[in-house]
Amino acid sequence: MQRREFLQQSATVASMLAAGVAPRVLGADSKNVIIGKGDHRYECIHDWGTLPANLKWQTTHGVAIDEAGFVYVKHQGHGGTPMDTIVVFDKDGKFVRSFGKDYYPGGHGIDIRKEGSEEFLYLSDVYHRQVVKTTLKGEEVWKICYPVESHVYQKVKQFSPTNVAFAPDGGFYVADGYGSSFVHQYDKDAKWVRTWGGGGKDPGKMSTPHGIWLDNRPGREASVVVADRANARLQYFTLDGRHLGFVNDVLFPAHFDIRGEVLLVPDLHARVSLFDKENKAIVHLGDDKDWIAEVKKLKVRSDPKLWQPGKFVHPHDACFDKDGNIFVVEWVQTGRVTLLKRVT
C-alpha cells in the first residue's frame, strides 16, 4: 500500500470512529455497518420487515413491542387512499396483521402496557385529535379528546396529542405535542387529574412536548421525562407535574424507551442517543455534524437515494426488545424501519 493510500484510509477510519461508526472488518459475514462503541455496538439492518402488497409505508412514526415479541409499527398513511395505520410483525420481520384504518392519516404515538393479564395499545392520533386505548388486535376500549375540565382549550383544534406515558399507579400522561404544549394527567379510569405546562421556554413550560415517559430506572426516584423538542432539551417533572430539571445534550428529541439503567432517545436530527442513569451520554449513534446539517435541509427525507448505510435521517421513535436490540422508525416520506442488532 502506498503511503498516500494509507493516510487516506486512516483518515476515513478516524472520521467514522468520531461519528460513532465502526468500520466493517474485511471478511466479516455481515455486510451491514456497525455503529456505536463499547458494550453499545449495533449492526444496522435498514428496511427491516416485509410489507404485504396491499400496504405501503407512509411516514413511519411509532414503534412498540409486546411481551410475545411482536413488533407494532405505526405510520400516518399519507397518500390519498385510507389504509391501515398499524402493522404487526414477528421478531423476524414477517407480516402478522394490520389494522387501524380509522386513524388514517393521524397515526403517531404507540405504546403498550400490561394491565392484569392483558396488554393494551395506547394510540395518539394527531389528525383526529384523540388518544385511543385498544386491545393488541385493535378493538377499541375507549377514546378521549382534550380534557374540558382543564379549562386550557377553547376549541378542539388547539389539541393534538403526540405520545402517552404510563404512571406507576395505573394512570397515564398525555403529551399535547402538536397542540398547545400541555401535559395532561389521568387516573387508571381515564379520568382527568391535572394539567401543567403550556408554551414557553421557562422551567415548567414547553415547546412541542413531543415525547413523554416514566423514568423509573434503578437508583432514581420515579419521575416524568418530556422530550421538549422545539426547546432542544429533556425536561423532568415529579409525578404530579412539579419541574425538576433539564437534560440539554440533545438536538431535537422525539420520544423514549428504557432498558435497565439506559435511557433511549430517538432524535429527529439524525441520531439515536443512549444515556446512563445519571443522564450522561453513553453514545450518540450515527452522530455526524456534516450529515446532520444536510438532513436538516429536509431534502434528504424524501429521497432514499441520498440515504447512507449506518446513518439515520429523522428518527421519530425507537424501542428496545428483550435482547437489547433497538428498533428505530423514521419520519421520512417513504417510511423506514431499522433494526439495530446488538453486537456481542
Protein backbone atom coordinates (compact mmCIF):
# COMPACT_ATOMS: atom_id res chain seq x y z
CA MET A 1 0.00 0.00 0.00
CA GLN A 2 1.30 3.46 -0.92
CA ARG A 3 1.79 5.98 1.89
CA ARG A 4 -0.86 8.29 0.39
CA GLU A 5 -3.43 5.46 0.30
CA PHE A 6 -2.62 4.53 3.88
CA LEU A 7 -3.10 8.10 5.07
CA GLN A 8 -6.41 8.40 3.18
CA GLN A 9 -7.75 5.16 4.68
CA SER A 10 -6.56 6.17 8.15
CA ALA A 11 -8.38 9.49 7.84
CA THR A 12 -11.58 7.70 6.74
CA VAL A 13 -11.43 5.32 9.70
CA ALA A 14 -10.81 8.20 12.11
CA SER A 15 -13.83 10.12 10.81
CA MET A 16 -16.05 7.02 11.12
CA LEU A 17 -14.97 6.42 14.70
CA ALA A 18 -15.56 10.06 15.59
CA ALA A 19 -19.13 9.68 14.30
CA GLY A 20 -19.71 6.53 16.35
CA VAL A 21 -19.44 4.28 13.28
CA ALA A 22 -17.22 1.22 13.48
CA PRO A 23 -15.66 0.34 10.13
CA ARG A 24 -16.64 -3.13 8.92
CA VAL A 25 -13.90 -5.73 9.14
CA LEU A 26 -12.98 -7.22 5.77
CA GLY A 27 -14.10 -10.80 5.51
CA ALA A 28 -16.81 -10.44 8.16
CA ASP A 29 -20.07 -12.29 7.49
CA SER A 30 -22.25 -9.18 7.74
CA LYS A 31 -22.32 -6.54 5.02
CA ASN A 32 -24.08 -4.07 7.33
CA VAL A 33 -22.38 -1.13 9.01
CA ILE A 34 -21.64 -1.44 12.74
CA ILE A 35 -22.24 1.70 14.80
CA GLY A 36 -21.67 2.57 18.46
CA LYS A 37 -18.90 1.76 20.89
CA GLY A 38 -18.02 -0.49 23.81
CA ASP A 39 -20.98 -2.51 25.07
CA HIS A 40 -23.29 -0.47 22.87
CA ARG A 41 -22.40 -1.55 19.34
CA TYR A 42 -25.10 -2.38 16.82
CA GLU A 43 -25.36 -3.79 13.33
CA CYS A 44 -27.58 -1.51 11.21
CA ILE A 45 -30.23 -3.52 9.36
CA HIS A 46 -32.13 -0.92 7.38
CA ASP A 47 -35.56 -1.50 5.77
CA TRP A 48 -36.46 -4.21 8.27
CA GLY A 49 -39.81 -6.01 7.92
CA THR A 50 -41.66 -7.25 4.85
CA LEU A 51 -44.92 -5.49 3.99
CA PRO A 52 -47.73 -7.25 2.10
CA ALA A 53 -48.53 -5.99 -1.38
CA ASN A 54 -51.58 -4.02 -0.23
CA LEU A 55 -49.62 -1.83 2.19
CA LYS A 56 -47.00 0.84 1.69
CA TRP A 57 -45.16 2.82 4.33
CA GLN A 58 -46.03 6.49 4.50
CA THR A 59 -44.17 8.46 7.20
CA THR A 60 -43.50 5.87 9.88
CA HIS A 61 -43.98 7.39 13.32
CA GLY A 62 -44.18 4.94 16.25
CA VAL A 63 -42.92 1.52 17.34
CA ALA A 64 -43.63 -0.74 20.32
CA ILE A 65 -43.09 -4.41 21.21
CA ASP A 66 -45.41 -6.68 23.19
CA GLU A 67 -44.47 -9.42 25.65
CA ALA A 68 -44.55 -12.08 22.93
CA GLY A 69 -42.00 -10.12 20.90
CA PHE A 70 -44.35 -8.90 18.17
CA VAL A 71 -43.33 -5.52 16.75
CA TYR A 72 -46.04 -2.87 16.19
CA VAL A 73 -45.20 -0.09 13.75
CA LYS A 74 -47.46 2.91 13.30
CA HIS A 75 -47.43 5.18 10.26
CA GLN A 76 -49.62 8.05 9.16
CA GLY A 77 -50.59 6.59 5.80
CA HIS A 78 -50.45 9.76 3.75
CA GLY A 79 -51.13 9.02 0.10
CA GLY A 80 -54.79 9.74 -0.64
CA THR A 81 -56.31 6.32 -0.03
CA PRO A 82 -57.13 5.34 3.59
CA MET A 83 -55.07 2.38 4.74
CA ASP A 84 -54.29 0.50 7.96
CA THR A 85 -52.02 2.64 10.14
CA ILE A 86 -50.74 -0.12 12.45
CA VAL A 87 -48.71 -3.04 11.12
CA VAL A 88 -47.60 -6.01 13.25
CA PHE A 89 -44.55 -8.18 12.54
CA ASP A 90 -43.00 -11.18 14.24
CA LYS A 91 -39.43 -10.95 15.55
CA ASP A 92 -38.04 -11.98 12.17
CA GLY A 93 -39.86 -9.22 10.27
CA LYS A 94 -42.64 -11.38 8.86
CA PHE A 95 -46.01 -9.65 8.50
CA VAL A 96 -48.62 -10.83 11.03
CA ARG A 97 -51.61 -8.47 10.72
CA SER A 98 -52.61 -4.83 10.26
CA PHE A 99 -55.45 -2.61 11.44
CA GLY A 100 -56.25 1.00 12.35
CA LYS A 101 -57.71 2.42 9.16
CA ASP A 102 -59.90 4.65 11.36
CA TYR A 103 -56.77 6.56 12.45
CA TYR A 104 -55.67 7.43 8.92
CA PRO A 105 -53.85 9.79 8.42
CA GLY A 106 -53.19 10.62 12.07
CA GLY A 107 -51.01 7.68 13.11
CA HIS A 108 -48.45 8.93 15.62
CA GLY A 109 -47.53 7.58 19.06
CA ILE A 110 -47.99 3.94 20.05
CA ASP A 111 -47.16 2.33 23.40
CA ILE A 112 -48.08 -0.92 25.11
CA ARG A 113 -48.96 -1.57 28.75
CA LYS A 114 -49.90 -4.76 30.54
CA GLU A 115 -52.91 -4.36 32.81
CA GLY A 116 -53.64 -7.50 34.79
CA SER A 117 -53.21 -10.40 32.39
CA GLU A 118 -53.85 -8.42 29.19
CA GLU A 119 -51.80 -5.96 27.16
CA PHE A 120 -53.26 -2.83 25.58
CA LEU A 121 -52.22 -0.29 22.98
CA TYR A 122 -52.35 3.43 23.75
CA LEU A 123 -52.51 5.33 20.47
CA SER A 124 -52.06 9.05 19.82
CA ASP A 125 -53.90 10.33 16.75
CA VAL A 126 -52.78 13.81 15.73
CA TYR A 127 -55.32 14.17 12.89
CA HIS A 128 -58.47 13.16 14.75
CA ARG A 129 -57.07 14.78 17.93
CA GLN A 130 -57.63 11.84 20.23
CA VAL A 131 -55.99 9.21 22.40
CA VAL A 132 -57.35 5.71 21.90
CA LYS A 133 -56.92 2.58 24.03
CA THR A 134 -57.29 -0.72 22.16
CA THR A 135 -56.52 -4.40 22.52
CA LEU A 136 -53.48 -5.74 20.71
CA LYS A 137 -55.76 -6.63 17.80
CA GLY A 138 -57.28 -3.18 17.54
CA GLU A 139 -60.61 -3.47 19.36
CA GLU A 140 -61.30 -0.08 20.96
CA VAL A 141 -61.70 0.16 24.74
CA TRP A 142 -62.13 3.93 24.93
CA LYS A 143 -61.12 7.15 23.20
CA ILE A 144 -60.67 10.64 24.64
CA CYS A 145 -60.16 14.12 23.23
CA TYR A 146 -58.89 17.12 25.21
CA PRO A 147 -59.86 17.40 28.90
CA VAL A 148 -62.61 20.01 29.18
CA GLU A 149 -62.01 20.16 32.95
CA SER A 150 -58.55 21.63 32.43
CA HIS A 151 -60.03 24.91 31.09
CA VAL A 152 -57.00 25.48 28.83
CA TYR A 153 -58.74 24.92 25.47
CA GLN A 154 -61.39 26.91 23.65
CA LYS A 155 -61.64 24.62 20.61
CA VAL A 156 -60.61 21.13 19.59
CA LYS A 157 -58.06 22.36 17.04
CA GLN A 158 -55.88 23.52 19.92
CA PHE A 159 -55.30 19.89 20.93
CA SER A 160 -53.14 17.36 19.04
CA PRO A 161 -51.67 14.58 21.22
CA THR A 162 -48.37 13.02 20.21
CA ASN A 163 -47.47 10.41 22.86
CA VAL A 164 -48.54 8.76 26.12
CA ALA A 165 -46.59 7.74 29.25
CA PHE A 166 -47.71 5.34 31.98
CA ALA A 167 -47.95 6.31 35.65
CA PRO A 168 -46.98 3.77 38.33
CA ASP A 169 -50.49 3.87 39.86
CA GLY A 170 -52.19 2.67 36.66
CA GLY A 171 -52.89 6.14 35.33
CA PHE A 172 -51.23 7.80 32.37
CA TYR A 173 -49.98 11.08 30.94
CA VAL A 174 -50.76 12.62 27.55
CA ALA A 175 -48.33 14.98 25.79
CA ASP A 176 -50.13 17.58 23.68
CA GLY A 177 -47.09 17.98 21.46
CA TYR A 178 -48.66 19.38 18.31
CA GLY A 179 -51.37 21.36 20.05
CA SER A 180 -50.85 23.72 22.96
CA SER A 181 -47.77 22.18 24.69
CA PHE A 182 -49.54 20.92 27.81
CA VAL A 183 -49.18 17.63 29.66
CA HIS A 184 -52.40 16.07 30.98
CA GLN A 185 -52.51 13.51 33.77
CA TYR A 186 -55.28 10.87 34.02
CA ASP A 187 -56.09 8.20 36.59
CA LYS A 188 -56.48 4.48 35.87
CA ASP A 189 -60.09 5.02 34.80
CA ALA A 190 -59.09 7.65 32.21
CA LYS A 191 -60.44 10.46 34.40
CA TRP A 192 -58.59 13.78 34.22
CA VAL A 193 -56.43 14.60 37.27
CA ARG A 194 -54.37 17.70 36.40
CA THR A 195 -52.73 19.70 33.63
CA TRP A 196 -49.41 21.53 33.56
CA GLY A 197 -47.04 23.21 31.14
CA GLY A 198 -48.11 25.33 28.21
CA GLY A 199 -45.91 27.07 25.66
CA GLY A 200 -42.67 28.78 26.61
CA LYS A 201 -39.01 28.36 27.49
CA ASP A 202 -39.08 28.88 31.27
CA PRO A 203 -38.80 25.88 33.63
CA GLY A 204 -42.09 24.01 33.53
CA LYS A 205 -43.02 25.48 30.15
CA MET A 206 -42.56 23.54 26.92
CA SER A 207 -42.46 23.96 23.17
CA THR A 208 -43.65 20.80 21.40
CA PRO A 209 -43.61 18.25 24.26
CA HIS A 210 -43.39 15.54 21.63
CA GLY A 211 -42.47 12.50 23.75
CA ILE A 212 -43.12 11.54 27.35
CA TRP A 213 -42.03 8.64 29.59
CA LEU A 214 -41.95 7.38 33.18
CA ASP A 215 -38.28 7.35 34.20
CA ASN A 216 -38.18 4.70 36.90
CA ARG A 217 -34.67 3.38 36.32
CA PRO A 218 -32.99 1.66 39.30
CA GLY A 219 -31.44 4.15 41.70
CA ARG A 220 -33.62 7.04 40.56
CA GLU A 221 -36.80 8.41 42.09
CA ALA A 222 -39.64 7.85 39.64
CA SER A 223 -40.32 10.95 37.57
CA VAL A 224 -41.78 12.06 34.25
CA VAL A 225 -39.39 12.98 31.44
CA VAL A 226 -40.62 15.02 28.48
CA ALA A 227 -38.97 15.42 25.08
CA ASP A 228 -39.31 19.21 24.96
CA ARG A 229 -38.44 19.08 21.29
CA ALA A 230 -38.53 22.63 19.96
CA ASN A 231 -36.67 23.81 23.07
CA ALA A 232 -33.99 21.18 22.30
CA ARG A 233 -33.98 19.67 25.79
CA LEU A 234 -35.38 16.96 28.01
CA GLN A 235 -37.42 18.28 30.92
CA TYR A 236 -38.05 16.36 34.15
CA PHE A 237 -41.10 16.61 36.41
CA THR A 238 -42.35 14.97 39.56
CA LEU A 239 -45.25 12.58 39.10
CA ASP A 240 -47.64 15.46 39.92
CA GLY A 241 -46.09 17.92 37.49
CA ARG A 242 -43.55 19.92 39.50
CA HIS A 243 -40.50 20.93 37.48
CA LEU A 244 -37.25 19.17 38.46
CA GLY A 245 -34.61 19.95 35.86
CA PHE A 246 -33.26 19.66 32.33
CA VAL A 247 -31.01 17.49 30.19
CA ASN A 248 -29.51 19.51 27.35
CA ASP A 249 -27.31 17.02 25.45
CA VAL A 250 -29.96 16.50 22.76
CA LEU A 251 -30.73 18.11 19.40
CA PHE A 252 -34.43 17.62 18.63
CA PRO A 253 -35.63 14.80 20.93
CA ALA A 254 -38.69 12.80 19.88
CA HIS A 255 -39.53 10.05 22.42
CA PHE A 256 -38.06 7.45 24.82
CA ASP A 257 -37.61 3.91 25.98
CA ILE A 258 -35.77 2.41 28.93
CA ARG A 259 -33.89 -0.84 29.42
CA GLY A 260 -32.21 -1.38 32.77
CA GLU A 261 -30.23 1.78 33.54
CA VAL A 262 -30.19 3.05 29.94
CA LEU A 263 -32.47 5.77 28.59
CA LEU A 264 -33.01 5.61 24.82
CA VAL A 265 -33.77 8.87 22.99
CA PRO A 266 -34.51 8.91 19.25
CA ASP A 267 -33.54 12.36 18.00
CA LEU A 268 -35.20 13.78 14.90
CA HIS A 269 -31.89 15.34 13.86
CA ALA A 270 -30.36 12.13 12.55
CA ARG A 271 -29.16 10.33 15.65
CA VAL A 272 -30.22 7.93 18.39
CA SER A 273 -28.84 8.60 21.87
CA LEU A 274 -28.24 6.40 24.90
CA PHE A 275 -27.89 7.91 28.40
CA ASP A 276 -26.77 6.31 31.65
CA LYS A 277 -28.73 6.56 34.91
CA GLU A 278 -27.06 9.91 35.66
CA ASN A 279 -28.23 11.11 32.25
CA LYS A 280 -24.71 11.32 30.90
CA ALA A 281 -24.46 10.41 27.23
CA ILE A 282 -23.10 6.91 26.62
CA VAL A 283 -23.15 7.29 22.85
CA HIS A 284 -24.93 9.28 20.16
CA LEU A 285 -25.45 6.64 17.48
CA GLY A 286 -24.94 7.93 13.96
CA ASP A 287 -23.72 11.33 15.11
CA ASP A 288 -22.08 13.25 12.25
CA LYS A 289 -22.17 17.06 12.08
CA ASP A 290 -21.96 17.30 8.30
CA TRP A 291 -24.67 14.68 7.77
CA ILE A 292 -26.93 16.32 10.37
CA ALA A 293 -26.52 19.68 8.64
CA GLU A 294 -27.56 18.07 5.34
CA VAL A 295 -30.53 16.27 6.90
CA LYS A 296 -31.82 19.48 8.48
CA LYS A 297 -32.36 20.90 4.99
CA LEU A 298 -35.20 18.31 4.72
CA LYS A 299 -34.42 17.31 1.13
CA VAL A 300 -32.93 14.01 2.29
CA ARG A 301 -36.14 12.74 3.90
CA SER A 302 -37.93 12.48 0.55
CA ASP A 303 -35.09 10.95 -1.48
CA PRO A 304 -33.93 7.46 -0.39
CA LYS A 305 -31.11 7.62 -2.94
CA LEU A 306 -29.39 10.10 -0.62
CA TRP A 307 -29.56 7.83 2.43
CA GLN A 308 -26.32 6.29 3.67
CA PRO A 309 -25.72 2.93 5.40
CA GLY A 310 -25.27 3.35 9.14
CA LYS A 311 -26.78 6.84 9.07
CA PHE A 312 -30.21 7.96 10.25
CA VAL A 313 -32.38 10.61 8.66
CA HIS A 314 -35.15 11.51 11.11
CA PRO A 315 -35.53 9.01 14.00
CA HIS A 316 -39.03 9.61 15.33
CA ASP A 317 -39.42 6.69 17.75
CA ALA A 318 -37.32 3.78 18.99
CA CYS A 319 -37.62 0.92 21.46
CA PHE A 320 -35.62 -1.95 22.92
CA ASP A 321 -36.56 -5.59 22.53
CA LYS A 322 -35.93 -8.10 25.33
CA ASP A 323 -32.44 -8.87 23.99
CA GLY A 324 -31.30 -5.26 23.90
CA ASN A 325 -31.71 -4.79 20.16
CA ILE A 326 -33.22 -1.45 19.11
CA PHE A 327 -35.96 -0.80 16.56
CA VAL A 328 -35.91 2.69 15.03
CA VAL A 329 -38.69 4.20 12.89
CA GLU A 330 -38.08 7.39 10.96
CA TRP A 331 -40.11 10.38 9.86
CA VAL A 332 -39.27 10.00 6.20
CA GLN A 333 -41.71 10.24 3.35
CA THR A 334 -41.42 6.58 2.30
CA GLY A 335 -41.16 5.33 5.87
CA ARG A 336 -38.26 3.27 7.20
CA VAL A 337 -37.74 0.74 9.97
CA THR A 338 -34.19 -0.05 11.08
CA LEU A 339 -33.18 -2.90 13.38
CA LEU A 340 -30.07 -2.11 15.40
CA LYS A 341 -28.93 -5.62 16.20
CA ARG A 342 -26.78 -5.70 19.29
CA VAL A 343 -23.22 -6.87 18.67
CA THR A 344 -21.93 -9.10 21.48
